[in-house]
Structures are given as C-alpha cells and as structure tokens.
C-alpha atoms as a PDB file:
ATOM      1  CA  MET A   1     101.668 107.730  84.913  1.00  0.00           C
ATOM      2  CA  SER A   2     104.870 108.762  86.677  1.00  0.00           C
ATOM      3  CA  THR A   3     105.827 112.154  85.911  1.00  0.00           C
ATOM      4  CA  THR A   4     109.039 111.696  88.285  1.00  0.00           C
ATOM      5  CA  SER A   5     110.915 109.146  85.865  1.00  0.00           C
ATOM      6  CA  SER A   6     112.841 110.783  82.952  1.00  0.00           C
ATOM      7  CA  PRO A   7     110.764 111.380  79.828  1.00  0.00           C
ATOM      8  CA  ILE A   8     110.877 108.017  77.804  1.00  0.00           C
ATOM      9  CA  ILE A   9     110.894 110.310  74.385  1.00  0.00           C
ATOM     10  CA  GLU A  10     112.117 113.568  74.173  1.00  0.00           C
ATOM     11  CA  PHE A  11     112.570 116.168  71.207  1.00  0.00           C
ATOM     12  CA  ALA A  12     114.403 119.254  71.852  1.00  0.00           C
ATOM     13  CA  LYS A  13     113.895 121.813  68.929  1.00  0.00           C
ATOM     14  CA  VAL A  14     113.951 119.461  66.478  1.00  0.00           C
ATOM     15  CA  ASN A  15     113.665 120.715  62.679  1.00  0.00           C
ATOM     16  CA  LYS A  16     113.333 118.619  59.675  1.00  0.00           C
ATOM     17  CA  TRP A  17     113.234 119.825  55.982  1.00  0.00           C
ATOM     18  CA  TYR A  18     112.260 117.467  52.304  1.00  0.00           C
ATOM     19  CA  GLY A  19     114.571 120.103  50.522  1.00  0.00           C
ATOM     20  CA  GLU A  20     112.673 123.124  50.703  1.00  0.00           C
ATOM     21  CA  PHE A  21     109.833 122.022  52.798  1.00  0.00           C
ATOM     22  CA  HIS A  22     110.117 122.757  56.253  1.00  0.00           C
ATOM     23  CA  VAL A  23     108.372 119.881  57.509  1.00  0.00           C
ATOM     24  CA  LEU A  24     108.516 119.806  61.039  1.00  0.00           C
ATOM     25  CA  ARG A  25     109.305 122.962  63.194  1.00  0.00           C
ATOM     26  CA  ASP A  26     111.433 123.366  66.245  1.00  0.00           C
ATOM     27  CA  ILE A  27     109.597 120.591  67.839  1.00  0.00           C
ATOM     28  CA  ASP A  28     109.598 120.508  71.339  1.00  0.00           C
ATOM     29  CA  LEU A  29     107.794 117.407  73.108  1.00  0.00           C
ATOM     30  CA  SER A  30     108.574 115.188  76.036  1.00  0.00           C
ATOM     31  CA  VAL A  31     106.709 111.741  76.654  1.00  0.00           C
ATOM     32  CA  GLY A  32     106.544 110.395  79.982  1.00  0.00           C
ATOM     33  CA  ARG A  33     106.757 106.267  80.187  1.00  0.00           C
ATOM     34  CA  GLY A  34     103.433 104.778  79.939  1.00  0.00           C
ATOM     35  CA  GLU A  35     102.071 107.937  78.551  1.00  0.00           C
ATOM     36  CA  ARG A  36      99.442 107.547  75.542  1.00  0.00           C
ATOM     37  CA  ILE A  37      99.427 110.543  73.078  1.00  0.00           C
ATOM     38  CA  VAL A  38      97.025 110.780  70.225  1.00  0.00           C
ATOM     39  CA  ILE A  39      98.688 113.602  67.388  1.00  0.00           C
ATOM     40  CA  CYS A  40      95.950 114.756  64.945  1.00  0.00           C
ATOM     41  CA  GLY A  41      96.227 117.646  62.042  1.00  0.00           C
ATOM     42  CA  PRO A  42      95.321 118.124  58.880  1.00  0.00           C
ATOM     43  CA  SER A  43      97.355 116.435  56.117  1.00  0.00           C
ATOM     44  CA  GLY A  44     100.921 117.418  55.432  1.00  0.00           C
ATOM     45  CA  SER A  45     101.182 118.926  59.089  1.00  0.00           C
ATOM     46  CA  GLY A  46     104.076 116.929  60.057  1.00  0.00           C
ATOM     47  CA  LYS A  47     102.152 114.086  61.904  1.00  0.00           C
ATOM     48  CA  SER A  48     103.751 110.770  60.455  1.00  0.00           C
ATOM     49  CA  THR A  49     106.989 112.492  60.122  1.00  0.00           C
ATOM     50  CA  LEU A  50     107.199 113.267  63.649  1.00  0.00           C
ATOM     51  CA  ILE A  51     106.506 109.380  64.840  1.00  0.00           C
ATOM     52  CA  ARG A  52     108.632 108.390  62.082  1.00  0.00           C
ATOM     53  CA  CYS A  53     111.680 110.351  63.485  1.00  0.00           C
ATOM     54  CA  ILE A  54     111.486 108.346  66.980  1.00  0.00           C
ATOM     55  CA  ASN A  55     112.772 105.031  65.294  1.00  0.00           C
ATOM     56  CA  ARG A  56     114.639 106.925  62.540  1.00  0.00           C
ATOM     57  CA  LEU A  57     112.467 105.930  59.391  1.00  0.00           C
ATOM     58  CA  GLU A  58     113.203 109.578  58.989  1.00  0.00           C
ATOM     59  CA  GLU A  59     116.341 111.327  60.296  1.00  0.00           C
ATOM     60  CA  HIS A  60     115.909 115.398  61.284  1.00  0.00           C
ATOM     61  CA  GLN A  61     118.178 117.550  60.713  1.00  0.00           C
ATOM     62  CA  GLU A  62     118.484 119.980  63.899  1.00  0.00           C
ATOM     63  CA  GLY A  63     117.813 119.763  67.198  1.00  0.00           C
ATOM     64  CA  ARG A  64     117.835 116.871  69.606  1.00  0.00           C
ATOM     65  CA  LEU A  65     115.715 113.862  69.432  1.00  0.00           C
ATOM     66  CA  ALA A  66     116.221 110.938  72.580  1.00  0.00           C
ATOM     67  CA  VAL A  67     114.206 107.815  73.352  1.00  0.00           C
ATOM     68  CA  ASP A  68     114.923 106.022  76.387  1.00  0.00           C
ATOM     69  CA  GLY A  69     117.904 107.700  77.158  1.00  0.00           C
ATOM     70  CA  VAL A  70     119.590 106.908  73.603  1.00  0.00           C
ATOM     71  CA  GLU A  71     120.149 110.291  71.607  1.00  0.00           C
ATOM     72  CA  LEU A  72     119.169 109.415  68.036  1.00  0.00           C
ATOM     73  CA  SER A  73     122.115 110.478  65.551  1.00  0.00           C
ATOM     74  CA  ASP A  74     123.882 108.707  62.750  1.00  0.00           C
ATOM     75  CA  ASP A  75     125.254 106.086  64.649  1.00  0.00           C
ATOM     76  CA  ILE A  76     124.135 102.767  63.886  1.00  0.00           C
ATOM     77  CA  LYS A  77     124.338 101.054  66.916  1.00  0.00           C
ATOM     78  CA  SER A  78     122.255 103.806  68.844  1.00  0.00           C
ATOM     79  CA  ILE A  79     119.474 103.358  66.009  1.00  0.00           C
ATOM     80  CA  GLU A  80     119.403  99.937  66.333  1.00  0.00           C
ATOM     81  CA  ALA A  81     119.240  99.950  70.133  1.00  0.00           C
ATOM     82  CA  VAL A  82     116.222 102.684  69.669  1.00  0.00           C
ATOM     83  CA  ARG A  83     114.477 100.159  67.355  1.00  0.00           C
ATOM     84  CA  ARG A  84     114.626  97.373  69.318  1.00  0.00           C
ATOM     85  CA  GLN A  85     112.353  99.132  72.170  1.00  0.00           C
ATOM     86  CA  VAL A  86     110.202 100.699  69.068  1.00  0.00           C
ATOM     87  CA  GLY A  87     107.377  98.805  67.737  1.00  0.00           C
ATOM     88  CA  MET A  88     105.550 100.421  64.513  1.00  0.00           C
ATOM     89  CA  VAL A  89     102.278  99.629  62.761  1.00  0.00           C
ATOM     90  CA  PHE A  90     101.872 101.655  59.477  1.00  0.00           C
ATOM     91  CA  GLN A  91      98.548 102.430  57.746  1.00  0.00           C
ATOM     92  CA  GLN A  92      99.143  99.778  55.114  1.00  0.00           C
ATOM     93  CA  PHE A  93      99.848  96.494  56.930  1.00  0.00           C
ATOM     94  CA  ASN A  94     103.151  95.907  55.332  1.00  0.00           C
ATOM     95  CA  LEU A  95     103.202  92.521  55.656  1.00  0.00           C
ATOM     96  CA  PHE A  96     104.908  89.913  53.619  1.00  0.00           C
ATOM     97  CA  PRO A  97     102.012  88.062  51.520  1.00  0.00           C
ATOM     98  CA  HIS A  98     104.084  84.633  50.217  1.00  0.00           C
ATOM     99  CA  LEU A  99     104.492  84.246  54.531  1.00  0.00           C
ATOM    100  CA  THR A 100     101.649  82.456  56.612  1.00  0.00           C
ATOM    101  CA  VAL A 101     100.757  85.055  59.480  1.00  0.00           C
ATOM    102  CA  LEU A 102     102.875  82.907  61.879  1.00  0.00           C
ATOM    103  CA  GLU A 103     106.083  83.307  60.092  1.00  0.00           C
ATOM    104  CA  ASN A 104     105.201  87.222  59.426  1.00  0.00           C
ATOM    105  CA  LEU A 105     105.618  87.193  62.965  1.00  0.00           C
ATOM    106  CA  THR A 106     108.604  85.053  63.802  1.00  0.00           C
ATOM    107  CA  LEU A 107     110.516  86.566  61.325  1.00  0.00           C
ATOM    108  CA  ALA A 108     112.156  89.914  63.171  1.00  0.00           C
ATOM    109  CA  PRO A 109     112.530  87.644  66.363  1.00  0.00           C
ATOM    110  CA  MET A 110     114.677  84.936  64.849  1.00  0.00           C
ATOM    111  CA  TRP A 111     117.007  87.637  62.866  1.00  0.00           C
ATOM    112  CA  VAL A 112     116.619  90.471  64.871  1.00  0.00           C
ATOM    113  CA  GLY A 113     116.371  88.831  68.358  1.00  0.00           C
ATOM    114  CA  LYS A 114     118.561  85.662  67.869  1.00  0.00           C
ATOM    115  CA  VAL A 115     115.579  83.836  69.183  1.00  0.00           C
ATOM    116  CA  SER A 116     115.001  80.248  68.493  1.00  0.00           C
ATOM    117  CA  LYS A 117     112.433  79.176  66.109  1.00  0.00           C
ATOM    118  CA  ALA A 118     110.350  77.389  68.689  1.00  0.00           C
ATOM    119  CA  GLU A 119     110.478  80.243  71.253  1.00  0.00           C
ATOM    120  CA  ALA A 120     109.345  82.862  68.118  1.00  0.00           C
ATOM    121  CA  GLU A 121     106.178  80.606  67.380  1.00  0.00           C
ATOM    122  CA  GLU A 122     105.463  80.306  71.006  1.00  0.00           C
ATOM    123  CA  ARG A 123     105.827  84.324  71.434  1.00  0.00           C
ATOM    124  CA  ALA A 124     103.843  84.919  68.252  1.00  0.00           C
ATOM    125  CA  MET A 125     101.128  82.622  69.282  1.00  0.00           C
ATOM    126  CA  GLN A 126     100.441  84.656  72.241  1.00  0.00           C
ATOM    127  CA  GLN A 127     100.520  87.921  70.700  1.00  0.00           C
ATOM    128  CA  LEU A 128      98.059  86.513  68.186  1.00  0.00           C
ATOM    129  CA  LYS A 129      95.751  85.520  71.187  1.00  0.00           C
ATOM    130  CA  ARG A 130      96.204  89.238  72.476  1.00  0.00           C
ATOM    131  CA  VAL A 131      95.089  90.694  69.254  1.00  0.00           C
ATOM    132  CA  ARG A 132      92.126  87.918  69.107  1.00  0.00           C
ATOM    133  CA  ILE A 133      93.228  86.352  65.919  1.00  0.00           C
ATOM    134  CA  ALA A 134      95.119  82.999  66.982  1.00  0.00           C
ATOM    135  CA  GLU A 135      93.151  80.707  65.123  1.00  0.00           C
ATOM    136  CA  GLN A 136      94.564  82.475  61.525  1.00  0.00           C
ATOM    137  CA  ALA A 137      98.119  81.449  61.910  1.00  0.00           C
ATOM    138  CA  GLU A 138      98.666  79.124  59.090  1.00  0.00           C
ATOM    139  CA  LYS A 139      96.767  81.676  56.596  1.00  0.00           C
ATOM    140  CA  TYR A 140      98.355  84.196  54.283  1.00  0.00           C
ATOM    141  CA  PRO A 141      97.476  87.477  54.782  1.00  0.00           C
ATOM    142  CA  LEU A 142      95.670  87.980  51.583  1.00  0.00           C
ATOM    143  CA  GLN A 143      93.225  85.471  52.920  1.00  0.00           C
ATOM    144  CA  LEU A 144      92.468  87.929  55.858  1.00  0.00           C
ATOM    145  CA  SER A 145      89.986  90.911  55.838  1.00  0.00           C
ATOM    146  CA  GLY A 146      91.847  94.330  56.149  1.00  0.00           C
ATOM    147  CA  GLY A 147      90.848  94.656  60.314  1.00  0.00           C
ATOM    148  CA  GLN A 148      92.351  91.013  60.397  1.00  0.00           C
ATOM    149  CA  GLN A 149      95.610  91.704  58.941  1.00  0.00           C
ATOM    150  CA  GLN A 150      96.170  95.291  60.684  1.00  0.00           C
ATOM    151  CA  ARG A 151      95.709  93.063  63.875  1.00  0.00           C
ATOM    152  CA  VAL A 152      98.459  90.764  62.482  1.00  0.00           C
ATOM    153  CA  ALA A 153     100.549  93.504  61.995  1.00  0.00           C
ATOM    154  CA  ILE A 154      99.740  95.281  66.005  1.00  0.00           C
ATOM    155  CA  ALA A 155     100.925  91.456  67.155  1.00  0.00           C
ATOM    156  CA  ARG A 156     104.261  91.550  64.768  1.00  0.00           C
ATOM    157  CA  ALA A 157     105.707  94.449  66.337  1.00  0.00           C
ATOM    158  CA  LEU A 158     104.164  92.740  69.939  1.00  0.00           C
ATOM    159  CA  CYS A 159     106.858  89.874  69.175  1.00  0.00           C
ATOM    160  CA  LEU A 160     109.525  92.609  69.885  1.00  0.00           C
ATOM    161  CA  THR A 161     108.104  93.444  73.243  1.00  0.00           C
ATOM    162  CA  PRO A 162     108.729  97.029  72.643  1.00  0.00           C
ATOM    163  CA  LYS A 163     108.462  99.855  74.990  1.00  0.00           C
ATOM    164  CA  ILE A 164     106.783 101.983  72.741  1.00  0.00           C
ATOM    165  CA  MET A 165     104.202 101.295  70.057  1.00  0.00           C
ATOM    166  CA  LEU A 166     103.825 103.897  67.155  1.00  0.00           C
ATOM    167  CA  PHE A 167     100.545 103.895  65.158  1.00  0.00           C
ATOM    168  CA  ASP A 168     100.341 105.971  62.017  1.00  0.00           C
ATOM    169  CA  GLU A 169      96.910 106.124  61.002  1.00  0.00           C
ATOM    170  CA  PRO A 170      96.286 102.087  61.525  1.00  0.00           C
ATOM    171  CA  THR A 171      92.414 102.110  60.515  1.00  0.00           C
ATOM    172  CA  SER A 172      92.735 105.109  57.495  1.00  0.00           C
ATOM    173  CA  ALA A 173      93.044 102.166  55.175  1.00  0.00           C
ATOM    174  CA  LEU A 174      90.438 100.061  56.502  1.00  0.00           C
ATOM    175  CA  ASP A 175      86.662  99.728  55.699  1.00  0.00           C
ATOM    176  CA  PRO A 176      84.127 101.601  58.109  1.00  0.00           C
ATOM    177  CA  GLU A 177      82.907  98.221  59.818  1.00  0.00           C
ATOM    178  CA  MET A 178      86.630  96.805  60.847  1.00  0.00           C
ATOM    179  CA  ILE A 179      88.398 100.256  62.369  1.00  0.00           C
ATOM    180  CA  ASN A 180      86.496  99.342  65.832  1.00  0.00           C
ATOM    181  CA  GLU A 181      87.901  95.575  65.635  1.00  0.00           C
ATOM    182  CA  VAL A 182      91.283  97.563  65.497  1.00  0.00           C
ATOM    183  CA  LEU A 183      90.469  99.895  67.847  1.00  0.00           C
ATOM    184  CA  ASP A 184      89.454  97.888  70.224  1.00  0.00           C
ATOM    185  CA  VAL A 185      92.632  95.771  70.566  1.00  0.00           C
ATOM    186  CA  MET A 186      94.552  99.431  70.665  1.00  0.00           C
ATOM    187  CA  ILE A 187      92.334  99.931  73.489  1.00  0.00           C
ATOM    188  CA  GLU A 188      93.016  96.882  75.284  1.00  0.00           C
ATOM    189  CA  LEU A 189      96.884  97.607  74.677  1.00  0.00           C
ATOM    190  CA  ALA A 190      96.433 101.363  76.232  1.00  0.00           C
ATOM    191  CA  GLY A 191      95.415  99.443  79.313  1.00  0.00           C
ATOM    192  CA  GLN A 192      98.877  97.728  79.662  1.00  0.00           C
ATOM    193  CA  GLY A 193     101.050 100.156  80.186  1.00  0.00           C
ATOM    194  CA  ILE A 194     102.888 100.582  77.263  1.00  0.00           C
ATOM    195  CA  THR A 195     103.683 104.021  75.973  1.00  0.00           C
ATOM    196  CA  MET A 196     102.067 104.902  72.694  1.00  0.00           C
ATOM    197  CA  LEU A 197     102.111 107.558  69.877  1.00  0.00           C
ATOM    198  CA  CYS A 198      99.099 107.363  67.382  1.00  0.00           C
ATOM    199  CA  VAL A 199      98.486 109.495  64.618  1.00  0.00           C
ATOM    200  CA  THR A 200      94.730 109.268  64.187  1.00  0.00           C
ATOM    201  CA  HIS A 201      91.407 110.923  62.777  1.00  0.00           C
ATOM    202  CA  GLU A 202      89.523 108.515  65.227  1.00  0.00           C
ATOM    203  CA  MET A 203      88.437 111.067  68.002  1.00  0.00           C
ATOM    204  CA  GLY A 204      86.506 108.738  70.138  1.00  0.00           C
ATOM    205  CA  PHE A 205      89.653 106.334  70.555  1.00  0.00           C
ATOM    206  CA  ALA A 206      91.435 109.752  71.717  1.00  0.00           C
ATOM    207  CA  ARG A 207      88.707 110.831  74.179  1.00  0.00           C
ATOM    208  CA  SER A 208      89.136 106.979  75.153  1.00  0.00           C
ATOM    209  CA  VAL A 209      92.153 106.523  75.455  1.00  0.00           C
ATOM    210  CA  ALA A 210      94.834 109.250  75.484  1.00  0.00           C
ATOM    211  CA  ASP A 211      96.433 111.074  78.224  1.00  0.00           C
ATOM    212  CA  ARG A 212      97.118 114.114  76.017  1.00  0.00           C
ATOM    213  CA  VAL A 213      96.013 115.071  72.548  1.00  0.00           C
ATOM    214  CA  ILE A 214      98.292 117.074  70.495  1.00  0.00           C
ATOM    215  CA  PHE A 215      97.033 119.111  67.737  1.00  0.00           C
ATOM    216  CA  MET A 216      99.686 120.103  64.575  1.00  0.00           C
ATOM    217  CA  ASP A 217      99.507 122.242  61.878  1.00  0.00           C
ATOM    218  CA  GLN A 218     102.145 123.123  59.211  1.00  0.00           C
ATOM    219  CA  GLY A 219     105.185 121.540  60.752  1.00  0.00           C
ATOM    220  CA  GLN A 220     104.413 122.385  64.222  1.00  0.00           C
ATOM    221  CA  ILE A 221     102.462 121.683  67.553  1.00  0.00           C
ATOM    222  CA  VAL A 222      99.732 124.246  67.829  1.00  0.00           C
ATOM    223  CA  GLU A 223      98.139 122.880  70.909  1.00  0.00           C
ATOM    224  CA  GLN A 224      98.172 119.963  73.280  1.00  0.00           C
ATOM    225  CA  ASN A 225      95.899 119.090  76.212  1.00  0.00           C
ATOM    226  CA  THR A 226      93.756 116.578  77.966  1.00  0.00           C
ATOM    227  CA  PRO A 227      91.234 115.126  75.930  1.00  0.00           C
ATOM    228  CA  THR A 228      88.432 116.783  78.003  1.00  0.00           C
ATOM    229  CA  GLU A 229      90.096 120.015  77.896  1.00  0.00           C
ATOM    230  CA  PHE A 230      91.168 119.459  74.265  1.00  0.00           C
ATOM    231  CA  PHE A 231      87.796 118.961  72.631  1.00  0.00           C
ATOM    232  CA  ASN A 232      85.224 121.096  74.916  1.00  0.00           C
ATOM    233  CA  ASN A 233      87.784 123.854  75.316  1.00  0.00           C
ATOM    234  CA  PRO A 234      90.422 124.264  72.781  1.00  0.00           C
ATOM    235  CA  GLN A 235      92.139 127.491  72.762  1.00  0.00           C
ATOM    236  CA  ARG A 236      93.539 128.024  69.548  1.00  0.00           C
ATOM    237  CA  ASP A 237      91.508 129.272  66.440  1.00  0.00           C
ATOM    238  CA  ARG A 238      93.100 126.228  63.865  1.00  0.00           C
ATOM    239  CA  THR A 239      92.179 123.869  66.413  1.00  0.00           C
ATOM    240  CA  LYS A 240      88.722 125.046  66.601  1.00  0.00           C
ATOM    241  CA  ASP A 241      88.529 125.239  62.965  1.00  0.00           C
ATOM    242  CA  PHE A 242      90.169 121.276  62.682  1.00  0.00           C
ATOM    243  CA  LEU A 243      87.862 120.229  65.256  1.00  0.00           C
ATOM    244  CA  SER A 244      84.392 121.711  63.535  1.00  0.00           C
ATOM    245  CA  LYS A 245      85.522 119.946  60.108  1.00  0.00           C
ATOM    246  CA  ILE A 246      86.374 116.485  61.785  1.00  0.00           C
ATOM    247  CA  LEU A 247      83.578 116.576  64.450  1.00  0.00           C
ATOM    248  CA  ALA A 248      81.073 117.219  62.005  1.00  0.00           C
ATOM    249  CA  HIS A 249      81.595 114.084  60.069  1.00  0.00           C
END
C-alpha cells in the first residue's frame, strides 16, 4: 500500500445524529488507496452508518468527508460521482427477484454507465466467473442458495468497476456452511488492489485480509491497529471485553 498518495477516503470530525441519538461522534479516519479495513464492534456502535456515509446512503451533519478527492455535500453531481466509484454489498442481498442473475448484473451498467447490452452482459459474465458462479447466470435469485445470492450481489457491485468496495455484514444473514464461500471470494478480491471496508464479525477474515482493524463503540473509533497487534495486544478495556466475547465462540 502506498502511503504517499492522498487518502482515497477521508473523514474529518464527522458527526451524525438520528434525532437525539448521536450515532457518529467526531470520526477521524483516513483510508489509503488499496487499503483493506475491517470494522468491528457491538451492534449499535455506528459501524454500518459509518460505511453508509461513504456513498451517501446516510448523510453526515457535521465535519468533512471526501471520497477520491470529492467532498460529499448536498450537491447531487458530487454524490453521483462518488457513487460511481463505490460498490456496496449489503447483509440482505437486495437482488431483484423477478430478474435473472444476468439481468440483475446488467441493469446498473446499462442505466447508470450507459453501456450497451452486449458489453454489459460480457462484463457481467466476467464478474460472475470471478465469483465462481457463471453457470447460474440464467437462474432467478430465489433458485440460488444464500451464499450464491451474496456472491451474485458482489459480482453486481463489481460490474461498475468501483475503486472502493463496502461490505456491510455480508455474511451475517447466511447459514454457517455458506459463510466461507462468500469470504473466499472476498479474500480473492482483497488480493487485487481494490480498497475495501468491511463491517463484519468474522475475525478469521480480519486476521487474514485486513491491513487494519478498527473497533467502534458508541459512535466512536475506540482503537485501530494491524490485525496482529489488535488481536494479540488490545490496548483498551472496551476492546478487550469485546474480543473476549467474540473470540470465545
């Protein structure tokens, strides 16, 4: 990872409220190009909100947030510019049930990217191969297992050739035996230089893939470190407490 170039994502004193609830508190975070970050913490700690601010699915009320040099504000053009760079994979797969796998993947490139149908299909098949599911292209989402649907969702995000991939607990809705097939695909992606931020409780994934692990609690970044230091030598009591619970399973 090159540290010389400017960060691809930069939070400076970012705050967000839902009504009275202060969900993000003074977030300062710089993400380098190609860096792979895993964000963990108890539920309600602001992890998902943090990554959803990056593509403006949530808007922050205070502070500065810039993505690939574009500051996120109310300006629609800047939001659209950022969204073209950012792919997102959700906990629930968010596929259109009435469209085939292939149609799910070609929709955005044709509408957003103004790509021809032939080119969109070619790109879609490339990404389906990448997530090892090309043979399912003509099926409908509900004919697939949860693990397969999540791999389709990852392929769909990749069809817009994003510079940044956001994963919001991508395995938490899956049966245990399907988790690894999704994590394997994510591990492969992580080796290909794409900037990744992943909210997850899969600590084995964090150890093997992350450049940095961030622990959040009550809307704040409590601790961040390399995986080795984070797991072997946590500094804060809240981190130790969280890890003792999650690693006991």
